[in-house]
Amino acid sequence: MIKKMAVLVILLFALFLRVYRLGDVPPNLHADEASFIINSASIIESGRDEDNRLLPIYLYSIKDFKPALYSYLQVPVFILFGLSAFTSRLPAVFFGLISLVAFYLLADEIFEDQRYAIIALAILSISPWHIAISRATQEVIMSFTFCLLSFLLLFRFIKKWDAEQKISYLMIALMMISNLLAMYSYHSYKIFIPIIFVVIAIYLYLSSAKSTKKSAIQVPALISATVLIPFVLTFAGAMVRFSAIGLLSSDLPKAMIFEYTTQVTGSAPIWFLRAFYNKPVFYLREFLHNYFSHYTGNYLFLQGGETARYLIPDQGWLHIIDLPLLILGTVYILIKKKKALLKLFLALIFIAYPLAASFTTEDIPSSDRPFQGIIFYSFIVTLGLQVILEIKNKYLCRLLIGAVIVGYAWSFGYFYNQYFNLMPTYHQYHRSQDYQILAEAIVETQDDYERVIVSNDLRELYIYLWLENQIEISDLQQLPLARYEDEYQVGKYVFNRDQCNFSEATANDLLVGASSCVSRSAQNIKVIKETHFDDLTVAHTLYSL
């Protein structure tokens, strides 16, 4: 009874941390959040997305190709409670809470001791990484939840197999469905989950090959099938995204090869230079740079990742107090002679969690693509605490536990201040604040003009004008994917990608662009109004002829 109460208290506290000031922290509606909202509203209104496609599986977002599931989950929330930043984030909070329950059940399977499962749950519930991801309108937390459910089913599957108990087809089906939803919801899991499952399947086959079990081959094959079928079904969506931000789309390695070759030509034979200055070498170096950047102390404990919308000022994704516990837990798992499957599972997570992010070119080190790494860190920290709790000298044990409690109290207090007090006013250009304030400024000024011409590739702005009730979804549906053109018009709003391009403007047009357009434009334009970030720096400027 006490243990159940402890779990309930932790979950209630976790829920509080995820709904407290949810509408204004994180501040503003980021463009990705706004994109989900407009599609949810469009589905409510007509059963179609903003591009007029009936109940789509994927959304053609602003600069992305993303699963539509989150928008569908927003639909009942918006119908019941209305459309707002708070309600748009509620599905993420829900999945954040469910992921904690799934993690607790997984920890209980792994540790086979409810005490340590409760400790693991407490560790994850106050994790800065988990709190930040589960308070944002994003697919990451959904995939993470389905992934944990899949791991839970996998360990229960293996336990039944070891005990030679009958394995139900329902368990296999649920594991496959969990993998399918995880891979569909977020592209990183198309790499992460298959690696875990396939390697574990190989391990089970090798460890049981000499046994008399009839299922020595069948069971590993079944485990592999539960990930390979979902992988095939979701592969096409991943390739669309990879073609946009994949490592091979980067021209930087090519530019470096050209520069280095030019600099040293004549100093060595050309065959010698080609052995070092070639695409495989430079793309591999870029991949390794990306990969190892996710293991640095700066990333984990001090600054966090480069995905700006999740940025918490001077706060890593783990608490600083986690560091000594990670060291203790790592030593403990390495010297422990038993638990071979647990060792393999944790090692695979540690090796695989940054892989998907490392194949991309944006936001390195990433905050969301390697989020599944929190499973490894939470388990290892728990093992570190287990080492302390098992110290036979009760005075030393109490002293260390006291130090850990003080350390977590300070670390959590620091995170709380950085997240809830500082972040709402810190570097708001990372959170699409410029679009919100620009849309408001346009609405206040546009009545005296026939058209509004927007330059500088501000594609996301149309969503914020819709939020200001200036654009109708039905108008967008008549122009599917027009926003990807170099110039398009919806209603009185004309969008083009050229910086300060107002060549077709007249005196009846309101012009929107960067603050430098006065000097850069070929026309004689005058400033009407400037918009500013919270730190008073100029965001964008409204002009007229």
Protein backbone atom coordinates (compact mmCIF):
# COMPACT_ATOMS: atom_id res chain seq x y z
CA MET A 1 0.00 0.00 0.00
CA ILE A 2 2.80 2.43 0.87
CA LYS A 3 4.55 1.71 -2.43
CA LYS A 4 1.36 2.33 -4.40
CA MET A 5 0.88 5.62 -2.57
CA ALA A 6 4.48 6.58 -3.38
CA VAL A 7 3.86 5.92 -7.09
CA LEU A 8 0.64 7.95 -6.98
CA VAL A 9 2.32 10.90 -5.23
CA ILE A 10 5.17 10.90 -7.77
CA LEU A 11 2.74 10.82 -10.69
CA LEU A 12 0.62 13.63 -9.21
CA PHE A 13 3.72 15.77 -8.69
CA ALA A 14 4.85 14.96 -12.22
CA LEU A 15 1.45 16.00 -13.56
CA PHE A 16 1.69 19.30 -11.69
CA LEU A 17 5.13 19.98 -13.17
CA ARG A 18 3.75 19.37 -16.64
CA VAL A 19 0.55 21.44 -16.45
CA TYR A 20 1.71 24.33 -14.25
CA ARG A 21 1.72 27.50 -16.42
CA LEU A 22 1.44 25.28 -19.49
CA GLY A 23 -0.11 28.05 -21.57
CA ASP A 24 2.80 30.45 -21.18
CA VAL A 25 5.82 28.19 -20.48
CA PRO A 26 7.29 27.50 -22.96
CA PRO A 27 6.44 31.01 -24.16
CA ASN A 28 4.72 31.84 -27.46
CA LEU A 29 3.46 29.35 -30.01
CA HIS A 30 6.40 27.92 -31.89
CA ALA A 31 5.83 27.49 -35.63
CA ASP A 32 5.64 23.70 -35.33
CA GLU A 33 3.01 24.02 -32.61
CA ALA A 34 1.04 26.51 -34.69
CA SER A 35 1.20 24.14 -37.66
CA PHE A 36 -0.41 21.32 -35.67
CA ILE A 37 -3.08 23.70 -34.39
CA ILE A 38 -4.14 24.98 -37.82
CA ASN A 39 -4.43 21.45 -39.14
CA SER A 40 -6.45 20.33 -36.12
CA ALA A 41 -8.80 23.28 -36.62
CA SER A 42 -9.04 22.48 -40.31
CA ILE A 43 -9.95 18.84 -39.57
CA ILE A 44 -12.62 19.97 -37.11
CA GLU A 45 -14.01 22.39 -39.68
CA SER A 46 -14.03 20.19 -42.77
CA GLY A 47 -12.45 16.80 -42.08
CA ARG A 48 -9.54 17.91 -44.26
CA ASP A 49 -6.12 19.39 -43.51
CA GLU A 50 -5.03 22.86 -44.57
CA ASP A 51 -4.00 21.44 -47.97
CA ASN A 52 -7.52 20.07 -48.53
CA ARG A 53 -6.60 16.39 -48.12
CA LEU A 54 -9.25 14.22 -46.50
CA LEU A 55 -8.08 12.78 -43.13
CA PRO A 56 -4.39 12.57 -44.11
CA ILE A 57 -1.87 10.27 -42.46
CA TYR A 58 0.92 12.84 -42.85
CA LEU A 59 0.87 16.63 -42.89
CA TYR A 60 2.81 18.77 -45.32
CA SER A 61 3.97 21.17 -42.65
CA ILE A 62 5.92 24.41 -43.10
CA LYS A 63 9.34 22.95 -43.79
CA ASP A 64 8.67 19.42 -42.66
CA PHE A 65 6.76 16.24 -43.44
CA LYS A 66 5.23 15.12 -40.17
CA PRO A 67 2.73 12.53 -38.93
CA ALA A 68 -0.81 13.82 -38.45
CA LEU A 69 -1.53 11.84 -35.28
CA TYR A 70 -0.85 14.73 -32.90
CA SER A 71 -3.32 16.94 -34.76
CA TYR A 72 -5.98 14.25 -34.52
CA LEU A 73 -5.40 13.98 -30.77
CA GLN A 74 -5.85 17.73 -30.44
CA VAL A 75 -9.26 17.58 -32.10
CA PRO A 76 -11.30 16.31 -29.10
CA VAL A 77 -9.35 18.59 -26.74
CA PHE A 78 -10.15 21.65 -28.86
CA ILE A 79 -13.80 20.64 -29.19
CA LEU A 80 -14.17 20.22 -25.42
CA PHE A 81 -11.99 23.05 -24.10
CA GLY A 82 -11.39 25.44 -26.97
CA LEU A 83 -8.29 26.36 -28.96
CA SER A 84 -5.36 27.80 -27.00
CA ALA A 85 -1.68 27.25 -26.35
CA PHE A 86 -2.65 25.42 -23.14
CA THR A 87 -5.05 23.00 -24.78
CA SER A 88 -2.73 22.44 -27.75
CA ARG A 89 -0.10 21.05 -25.36
CA LEU A 90 -2.41 18.82 -23.33
CA PRO A 91 -1.92 15.71 -25.53
CA ALA A 92 1.83 15.99 -24.94
CA VAL A 93 1.24 16.21 -21.18
CA PHE A 94 -0.99 13.13 -21.39
CA PHE A 95 1.68 11.13 -23.21
CA GLY A 96 4.31 12.43 -20.82
CA LEU A 97 2.33 11.00 -17.90
CA ILE A 98 1.64 7.69 -19.68
CA SER A 99 5.34 7.39 -20.51
CA LEU A 100 6.14 7.68 -16.80
CA VAL A 101 3.75 4.83 -16.03
CA ALA A 102 5.24 2.71 -18.82
CA PHE A 103 8.76 3.49 -17.60
CA TYR A 104 7.83 2.48 -14.07
CA LEU A 105 6.42 -0.85 -15.27
CA LEU A 106 9.52 -1.42 -17.41
CA ALA A 107 11.79 -0.64 -14.44
CA ASP A 108 9.79 -3.07 -12.32
CA GLU A 109 10.39 -5.80 -14.93
CA ILE A 110 14.10 -5.02 -15.16
CA PHE A 111 14.98 -4.51 -11.48
CA GLU A 112 12.48 -7.08 -10.19
CA ASP A 113 12.27 -4.87 -7.10
CA GLN A 114 9.49 -2.34 -6.74
CA ARG A 115 11.61 -0.04 -4.58
CA TYR A 116 14.06 0.62 -7.38
CA ALA A 117 11.26 0.93 -9.92
CA ILE A 118 9.82 3.72 -7.75
CA ILE A 119 13.25 5.41 -7.57
CA ALA A 120 13.60 5.17 -11.36
CA LEU A 121 10.13 6.71 -11.76
CA ALA A 122 11.07 9.58 -9.42
CA ILE A 123 14.30 10.21 -11.36
CA LEU A 124 12.48 10.44 -14.70
CA SER A 125 9.59 12.49 -13.29
CA ILE A 126 11.90 15.40 -12.36
CA SER A 127 14.18 15.08 -15.39
CA PRO A 128 14.62 18.47 -17.15
CA TRP A 129 14.70 16.62 -20.47
CA HIS A 130 11.44 14.79 -19.89
CA ILE A 131 9.66 17.83 -18.48
CA ALA A 132 10.68 20.04 -21.42
CA ILE A 133 9.69 17.49 -24.07
CA SER A 134 6.36 16.61 -22.45
CA ARG A 135 5.28 20.27 -22.23
CA ALA A 136 5.62 20.97 -25.95
CA THR A 137 3.29 20.37 -28.88
CA GLN A 138 5.47 17.80 -30.58
CA GLU A 139 5.43 14.16 -31.69
CA VAL A 140 8.57 13.16 -29.76
CA ILE A 141 6.85 12.31 -26.49
CA MET A 142 4.28 10.17 -28.33
CA SER A 143 6.97 8.04 -29.97
CA PHE A 144 8.83 7.78 -26.69
CA THR A 145 5.70 6.47 -24.95
CA PHE A 146 5.02 3.84 -27.62
CA CYS A 147 8.69 2.86 -27.53
CA LEU A 148 8.56 2.27 -23.77
CA LEU A 149 5.41 0.19 -24.14
CA SER A 150 7.17 -1.87 -26.79
CA PHE A 151 10.21 -2.42 -24.53
CA LEU A 152 7.89 -3.42 -21.67
CA LEU A 153 6.19 -6.00 -23.88
CA LEU A 154 9.58 -7.22 -25.12
CA PHE A 155 10.86 -7.96 -21.62
CA ARG A 156 7.61 -9.67 -20.64
CA PHE A 157 7.79 -11.67 -23.86
CA ILE A 158 11.34 -12.80 -23.07
CA LYS A 159 10.42 -13.66 -19.47
CA LYS A 160 7.57 -15.89 -20.66
CA TRP A 161 9.84 -17.50 -23.23
CA ASP A 162 12.54 -18.22 -20.64
CA ALA A 163 9.92 -19.79 -18.38
CA GLU A 164 8.62 -21.79 -21.38
CA GLN A 165 5.17 -20.32 -20.88
CA LYS A 166 2.70 -19.84 -23.69
CA ILE A 167 3.09 -16.51 -25.47
CA SER A 168 -0.18 -15.04 -26.70
CA TYR A 169 -0.62 -13.68 -30.18
CA LEU A 170 -2.12 -10.60 -28.55
CA MET A 171 1.23 -9.76 -26.93
CA ILE A 172 3.01 -10.09 -30.27
CA ALA A 173 0.36 -7.96 -31.99
CA LEU A 174 0.56 -5.26 -29.30
CA MET A 175 4.35 -5.17 -29.57
CA MET A 176 4.12 -4.73 -33.34
CA ILE A 177 1.46 -2.01 -33.01
CA SER A 178 3.57 -0.16 -30.41
CA ASN A 179 6.58 -0.27 -32.72
CA LEU A 180 4.49 0.86 -35.67
CA LEU A 181 3.08 3.85 -33.76
CA ALA A 182 6.53 4.77 -32.40
CA MET A 183 8.15 4.66 -35.84
CA TYR A 184 5.23 6.44 -37.50
CA SER A 185 5.10 9.20 -34.90
CA TYR A 186 8.76 10.23 -35.07
CA HIS A 187 11.47 9.36 -37.56
CA SER A 188 14.32 8.79 -35.07
CA TYR A 189 12.66 5.62 -33.81
CA LYS A 190 12.88 4.02 -37.26
CA ILE A 191 16.59 3.65 -36.54
CA PHE A 192 16.60 3.30 -32.77
CA ILE A 193 13.99 0.58 -32.21
CA PRO A 194 15.10 -1.84 -34.97
CA ILE A 195 18.66 -1.78 -33.65
CA ILE A 196 17.52 -2.69 -30.13
CA PHE A 197 15.12 -5.40 -31.23
CA VAL A 198 17.24 -7.04 -33.91
CA VAL A 199 20.39 -7.22 -31.78
CA ILE A 200 18.43 -8.63 -28.83
CA ALA A 201 16.83 -11.17 -31.17
CA ILE A 202 20.28 -12.24 -32.35
CA TYR A 203 21.46 -12.48 -28.74
CA LEU A 204 18.48 -14.67 -27.80
CA TYR A 205 19.12 -16.93 -30.77
CA LEU A 206 22.82 -17.33 -29.98
CA SER A 207 22.20 -17.89 -26.27
CA SER A 208 19.57 -20.55 -26.96
CA ALA A 209 20.96 -22.16 -30.11
CA LYS A 210 22.43 -25.06 -28.13
CA SER A 211 19.28 -25.57 -26.09
CA THR A 212 16.52 -28.03 -26.83
CA LYS A 213 13.88 -25.32 -27.14
CA LYS A 214 11.84 -25.70 -30.29
CA SER A 215 11.40 -21.95 -30.36
CA ALA A 216 15.12 -21.17 -30.50
CA ILE A 217 14.71 -19.77 -34.00
CA GLN A 218 11.03 -18.91 -34.09
CA VAL A 219 10.99 -16.53 -31.13
CA PRO A 220 13.92 -14.32 -32.26
CA ALA A 221 12.34 -14.30 -35.71
CA LEU A 222 9.05 -13.12 -34.24
CA ILE A 223 10.81 -10.36 -32.29
CA SER A 224 12.55 -9.19 -35.47
CA ALA A 225 9.28 -9.24 -37.39
CA THR A 226 7.63 -6.93 -34.86
CA VAL A 227 10.05 -4.17 -35.91
CA LEU A 228 10.88 -4.98 -39.51
CA ILE A 229 7.26 -4.87 -40.68
CA PRO A 230 6.61 -1.44 -39.07
CA PHE A 231 9.94 -0.23 -40.47
CA VAL A 232 8.93 -1.16 -44.02
CA LEU A 233 5.51 0.43 -43.60
CA THR A 234 6.93 3.76 -42.37
CA PHE A 235 10.13 3.88 -44.44
CA ALA A 236 8.80 6.17 -47.18
CA GLY A 237 7.93 8.96 -44.75
CA ALA A 238 11.41 8.83 -43.25
CA MET A 239 13.08 9.20 -46.65
CA VAL A 240 11.11 12.37 -47.40
CA ARG A 241 12.40 13.94 -44.21
CA PHE A 242 15.95 12.61 -44.66
CA SER A 243 16.17 14.05 -48.16
CA ALA A 244 15.54 17.49 -46.65
CA ILE A 245 17.86 17.44 -43.62
CA GLY A 246 19.99 14.32 -44.12
CA LEU A 247 23.75 14.53 -43.73
CA LEU A 248 24.33 13.79 -47.42
CA SER A 249 22.35 16.90 -48.34
CA SER A 250 24.99 19.08 -46.67
CA ASP A 251 27.47 20.85 -48.94
CA LEU A 252 29.88 21.65 -46.12
CA PRO A 253 32.06 18.50 -46.48
CA LYS A 254 32.29 19.13 -50.25
CA ALA A 255 33.32 22.73 -49.65
CA MET A 256 35.97 21.64 -47.16
CA ILE A 257 37.38 19.08 -49.61
CA PHE A 258 37.64 21.74 -52.29
CA GLU A 259 39.25 24.26 -49.95
CA TYR A 260 41.82 21.86 -48.51
CA THR A 261 42.69 20.38 -51.89
CA THR A 262 43.18 23.85 -53.36
CA GLN A 263 45.41 24.88 -50.46
CA VAL A 264 47.81 21.89 -50.64
CA THR A 265 47.82 21.09 -54.36
CA GLY A 266 51.45 20.94 -55.47
CA SER A 267 52.69 19.96 -52.02
CA ALA A 268 51.91 16.26 -52.49
CA PRO A 269 50.91 13.85 -55.29
CA ILE A 270 47.25 14.09 -56.27
CA TRP A 271 46.65 10.39 -55.47
CA PHE A 272 47.96 11.03 -51.98
CA LEU A 273 45.59 13.96 -51.44
CA ARG A 274 42.63 12.00 -52.73
CA ALA A 275 43.28 9.33 -50.12
CA PHE A 276 42.51 11.91 -47.41
CA TYR A 277 40.34 14.53 -49.10
CA ASN A 278 37.32 12.59 -50.34
CA LYS A 279 33.60 12.39 -49.61
CA PRO A 280 33.60 9.17 -47.54
CA VAL A 281 36.26 10.56 -45.19
CA PHE A 282 34.69 13.98 -44.73
CA TYR A 283 31.11 12.77 -44.39
CA LEU A 284 32.30 10.19 -41.86
CA ARG A 285 34.10 12.92 -39.91
CA GLU A 286 30.95 15.04 -39.94
CA PHE A 287 28.87 12.09 -38.74
CA LEU A 288 31.31 11.35 -35.90
CA HIS A 289 31.35 15.01 -34.89
CA ASN A 290 27.55 14.96 -34.69
CA TYR A 291 27.48 11.63 -32.87
CA PHE A 292 29.95 12.40 -30.09
CA SER A 293 28.51 15.88 -29.48
CA HIS A 294 25.56 14.15 -27.78
CA TYR A 295 27.80 12.69 -25.07
CA THR A 296 29.57 15.83 -23.90
CA GLY A 297 29.24 17.26 -20.42
CA ASN A 298 28.16 20.55 -21.94
CA TYR A 299 25.23 18.86 -23.69
CA LEU A 300 24.18 16.63 -20.81
CA PHE A 301 24.77 18.84 -17.77
CA LEU A 302 25.37 22.48 -18.69
CA GLN A 303 23.76 23.81 -21.88
CA GLY A 304 21.53 21.17 -23.45
CA GLY A 305 21.00 20.84 -27.19
CA GLU A 306 20.82 23.18 -30.14
CA THR A 307 17.12 22.64 -30.84
CA ALA A 308 16.36 26.22 -29.93
CA ARG A 309 12.67 25.85 -29.15
CA TYR A 310 13.55 23.59 -26.19
CA LEU A 311 16.40 25.77 -24.94
CA ILE A 312 16.53 26.25 -21.17
CA PRO A 313 19.17 28.88 -20.33
CA ASP A 314 22.33 27.30 -18.89
CA GLN A 315 20.57 24.05 -18.08
CA GLY A 316 21.63 20.64 -19.34
CA TRP A 317 19.28 17.77 -20.00
CA LEU A 318 20.35 16.04 -16.79
CA HIS A 319 20.75 17.39 -13.28
CA ILE A 320 24.35 18.00 -12.22
CA ILE A 321 23.80 15.70 -9.23
CA ASP A 322 23.17 12.90 -11.74
CA LEU A 323 26.86 12.90 -12.72
CA PRO A 324 28.35 11.07 -9.70
CA LEU A 325 25.40 8.68 -9.70
CA LEU A 326 25.99 7.93 -13.37
CA ILE A 327 29.60 7.07 -12.59
CA LEU A 328 28.57 4.78 -9.72
CA GLY A 329 25.86 3.12 -11.79
CA THR A 330 28.16 2.58 -14.76
CA VAL A 331 30.85 0.94 -12.62
CA TYR A 332 28.19 -1.21 -10.93
CA ILE A 333 26.70 -2.52 -14.18
CA LEU A 334 30.14 -3.19 -15.67
CA ILE A 335 31.41 -5.28 -12.76
CA LYS A 336 28.13 -7.13 -12.14
CA LYS A 337 28.50 -10.67 -13.41
CA LYS A 338 24.82 -11.43 -13.98
CA LYS A 339 22.10 -9.53 -15.83
CA ALA A 340 23.63 -10.04 -19.29
CA LEU A 341 20.40 -9.08 -21.07
CA LEU A 342 20.07 -5.87 -19.02
CA LYS A 343 23.69 -4.98 -19.82
CA LEU A 344 23.07 -5.53 -23.53
CA PHE A 345 19.83 -3.53 -23.44
CA LEU A 346 21.42 -0.52 -21.73
CA ALA A 347 24.52 -0.69 -23.93
CA LEU A 348 22.39 -0.71 -27.07
CA ILE A 349 20.40 2.31 -25.90
CA PHE A 350 23.61 4.17 -25.05
CA ILE A 351 25.16 3.44 -28.45
CA ALA A 352 22.03 3.91 -30.56
CA TYR A 353 20.26 6.93 -29.08
CA PRO A 354 22.23 9.65 -30.99
CA LEU A 355 22.41 7.76 -34.30
CA ALA A 356 19.36 9.27 -36.00
CA ALA A 357 20.34 12.81 -34.98
CA SER A 358 23.90 12.24 -36.22
CA PHE A 359 22.68 11.56 -39.76
CA THR A 360 21.12 15.03 -39.97
CA THR A 361 22.42 18.55 -40.48
CA GLU A 362 20.06 20.61 -38.31
CA ASP A 363 20.31 21.45 -34.62
CA ILE A 364 23.41 19.49 -33.62
CA PRO A 365 23.56 18.32 -30.88
CA SER A 366 19.82 17.80 -31.07
CA SER A 367 17.43 17.96 -28.12
CA ASP A 368 14.52 15.93 -29.47
CA ARG A 369 15.92 13.33 -31.90
CA PRO A 370 18.06 11.57 -29.25
CA PHE A 371 15.48 11.94 -26.47
CA GLN A 372 15.27 8.16 -26.04
CA GLY A 373 18.68 8.35 -24.37
CA ILE A 374 16.86 9.41 -21.20
CA ILE A 375 15.98 5.72 -20.71
CA PHE A 376 19.65 4.83 -20.33
CA TYR A 377 20.52 7.75 -18.07
CA SER A 378 17.54 7.23 -15.78
CA PHE A 379 18.31 3.54 -15.33
CA ILE A 380 22.01 4.12 -14.69
CA VAL A 381 21.30 6.87 -12.15
CA THR A 382 18.94 4.44 -10.41
CA LEU A 383 21.67 1.82 -10.32
CA GLY A 384 23.99 4.44 -8.80
CA LEU A 385 21.45 5.06 -6.06
CA GLN A 386 21.13 1.31 -5.58
CA VAL A 387 24.86 1.13 -4.90
CA ILE A 388 24.50 3.75 -2.16
CA LEU A 389 21.41 2.13 -0.63
CA GLU A 390 23.20 -1.23 -0.42
CA ILE A 391 26.17 0.14 1.54
CA LYS A 392 26.35 -1.92 4.74
CA ASN A 393 27.75 0.89 6.88
CA LYS A 394 24.50 2.60 7.84
CA TYR A 395 26.16 5.88 8.84
CA LEU A 396 27.97 6.22 5.51
CA CYS A 397 24.79 5.21 3.70
CA ARG A 398 22.73 7.87 5.48
CA LEU A 399 25.39 10.50 4.89
CA LEU A 400 25.48 9.80 1.16
CA ILE A 401 21.70 9.65 0.87
CA GLY A 402 21.49 12.99 2.64
CA ALA A 403 24.03 14.46 0.24
CA VAL A 404 22.04 13.11 -2.73
CA ILE A 405 18.79 14.61 -1.41
CA VAL A 406 20.45 18.00 -0.92
CA GLY A 407 22.00 17.73 -4.39
CA TYR A 408 18.66 16.99 -6.03
CA ALA A 409 16.93 19.75 -4.08
CA TRP A 410 19.47 22.29 -5.33
CA SER A 411 19.59 20.94 -8.89
CA PHE A 412 15.82 20.83 -9.22
CA GLY A 413 15.46 24.31 -7.71
CA TYR A 414 17.98 25.64 -10.23
CA PHE A 415 16.13 23.97 -13.11
CA TYR A 416 12.79 25.29 -11.85
CA ASN A 417 14.11 28.86 -11.80
CA GLN A 418 15.74 28.59 -15.24
CA TYR A 419 12.67 27.01 -16.83
CA PHE A 420 9.72 28.80 -15.24
CA ASN A 421 11.26 32.19 -14.40
CA LEU A 422 14.07 32.91 -16.86
CA MET A 423 13.13 31.05 -20.05
CA PRO A 424 9.83 32.93 -20.65
CA THR A 425 11.77 36.16 -21.25
CA TYR A 426 15.06 34.80 -22.61
CA HIS A 427 15.91 34.88 -26.35
CA GLN A 428 12.34 34.70 -27.57
CA TYR A 429 13.35 34.72 -31.23
CA HIS A 430 13.90 30.96 -30.72
CA ARG A 431 10.19 30.53 -30.00
CA SER A 432 8.69 32.29 -33.06
CA GLN A 433 7.86 35.39 -31.01
CA ASP A 434 8.59 37.49 -34.08
CA TYR A 435 5.69 35.91 -35.99
CA GLN A 436 3.22 36.55 -33.18
CA ILE A 437 4.14 40.19 -32.68
CA LEU A 438 4.44 40.78 -36.44
CA ALA A 439 0.97 39.38 -37.09
CA GLU A 440 -0.44 41.64 -34.35
CA ALA A 441 1.35 44.69 -35.82
CA ILE A 442 0.03 43.93 -39.32
CA VAL A 443 -3.54 43.65 -38.01
CA GLU A 444 -3.19 47.01 -36.25
CA THR A 445 -1.86 48.75 -39.39
CA GLN A 446 -3.35 47.05 -42.46
CA ASP A 447 -6.76 48.76 -42.64
CA ASP A 448 -5.36 51.67 -44.68
CA TYR A 449 -3.87 49.37 -47.33
CA GLU A 450 -5.25 47.12 -50.08
CA ARG A 451 -2.51 44.50 -49.88
CA VAL A 452 0.18 43.36 -47.48
CA ILE A 453 3.42 42.28 -49.18
CA VAL A 454 5.66 40.14 -46.99
CA SER A 455 9.27 39.51 -48.00
CA ASN A 456 12.14 37.54 -46.44
CA ASP A 457 10.61 34.04 -46.70
CA LEU A 458 8.33 34.41 -43.67
CA ARG A 459 6.34 31.33 -44.62
CA GLU A 460 5.16 30.59 -41.09
CA LEU A 461 3.49 34.01 -40.78
CA TYR A 462 0.32 32.87 -42.54
CA ILE A 463 -0.57 30.63 -39.57
CA TYR A 464 -0.29 33.53 -37.12
CA LEU A 465 -2.44 35.69 -39.38
CA TRP A 466 -4.99 32.87 -39.30
CA LEU A 467 -4.77 32.88 -35.49
CA GLU A 468 -5.56 36.60 -35.68
CA ASN A 469 -8.67 35.73 -37.77
CA GLN A 470 -7.27 37.39 -40.91
CA ILE A 471 -7.04 34.29 -43.12
CA GLU A 472 -9.69 31.63 -43.66
CA ILE A 473 -8.77 27.96 -43.74
CA SER A 474 -11.05 27.55 -46.77
CA ASP A 475 -8.84 30.04 -48.64
CA LEU A 476 -5.75 28.00 -47.80
CA GLN A 477 -7.44 24.80 -48.95
CA GLN A 478 -8.02 26.37 -52.36
CA LEU A 479 -4.23 26.85 -52.66
CA PRO A 480 -2.72 23.56 -51.46
CA LEU A 481 1.07 23.73 -50.97
CA ALA A 482 1.19 27.22 -52.52
CA ARG A 483 3.37 28.34 -49.59
CA TYR A 484 6.26 26.34 -51.07
CA GLU A 485 6.29 28.55 -54.17
CA ASP A 486 8.68 31.50 -54.45
CA GLU A 487 5.65 33.78 -54.33
CA TYR A 488 2.05 33.13 -53.39
CA GLN A 489 -1.00 35.10 -52.31
CA VAL A 490 -3.85 34.28 -49.95
CA GLY A 491 -6.48 36.96 -49.54
CA LYS A 492 -4.79 40.34 -49.31
CA TYR A 493 -1.48 38.85 -48.23
CA VAL A 494 1.34 38.35 -50.73
CA PHE A 495 4.38 36.32 -49.63
CA ASN A 496 7.71 36.16 -51.45
CA ARG A 497 11.08 34.72 -50.50
CA ASP A 498 13.30 37.56 -51.74
CA GLN A 499 14.75 39.80 -49.06
CA CYS A 500 13.20 43.28 -49.35
CA ASN A 501 11.64 42.55 -52.75
CA PHE A 502 8.86 45.11 -53.18
CA SER A 503 9.24 45.62 -56.94
CA GLU A 504 5.49 45.15 -57.57
CA ALA A 505 4.37 47.33 -54.66
CA THR A 506 2.26 50.44 -54.98
CA ALA A 507 1.37 53.23 -52.59
CA ASN A 508 -1.66 51.18 -51.51
CA ASP A 509 0.47 48.31 -50.17
CA LEU A 510 1.77 47.69 -46.67
CA LEU A 511 5.29 46.25 -46.92
CA VAL A 512 6.82 43.84 -44.40
CA GLY A 513 10.50 42.95 -44.21
CA ALA A 514 13.74 43.10 -42.33
CA SER A 515 14.91 46.25 -40.58
CA SER A 516 17.59 46.70 -43.26
CA CYS A 517 15.12 47.07 -46.15
CA VAL A 518 15.39 50.88 -46.19
CA SER A 519 19.01 50.62 -47.34
CA ARG A 520 18.66 47.43 -49.38
CA SER A 521 15.49 48.13 -51.32
CA ALA A 522 15.78 49.74 -54.75
CA GLN A 523 12.69 51.79 -53.98
CA ASN A 524 12.22 54.81 -51.77
CA ILE A 525 10.37 53.25 -48.82
CA LYS A 526 9.60 54.70 -45.42
CA VAL A 527 9.25 53.08 -42.02
CA ILE A 528 5.72 52.81 -40.62
CA LYS A 529 6.31 50.65 -37.55
CA GLU A 530 8.94 48.39 -36.01
CA THR A 531 8.29 45.21 -34.04
CA HIS A 532 10.57 44.24 -31.18
CA PHE A 533 11.49 41.16 -29.20
CA ASP A 534 11.22 41.25 -25.42
CA ASP A 535 14.87 42.32 -25.24
CA LEU A 536 13.95 45.36 -27.40
CA THR A 537 15.95 44.24 -30.45
CA VAL A 538 14.17 44.88 -33.75
CA ALA A 539 12.39 41.83 -35.17
CA HIS A 540 10.75 43.13 -38.39
CA THR A 541 9.64 46.43 -39.87
CA LEU A 542 6.50 47.64 -41.63
CA TYR A 543 7.03 50.02 -44.58
CA SER A 544 5.11 51.88 -47.23
CA LEU A 545 6.06 53.74 -50.42
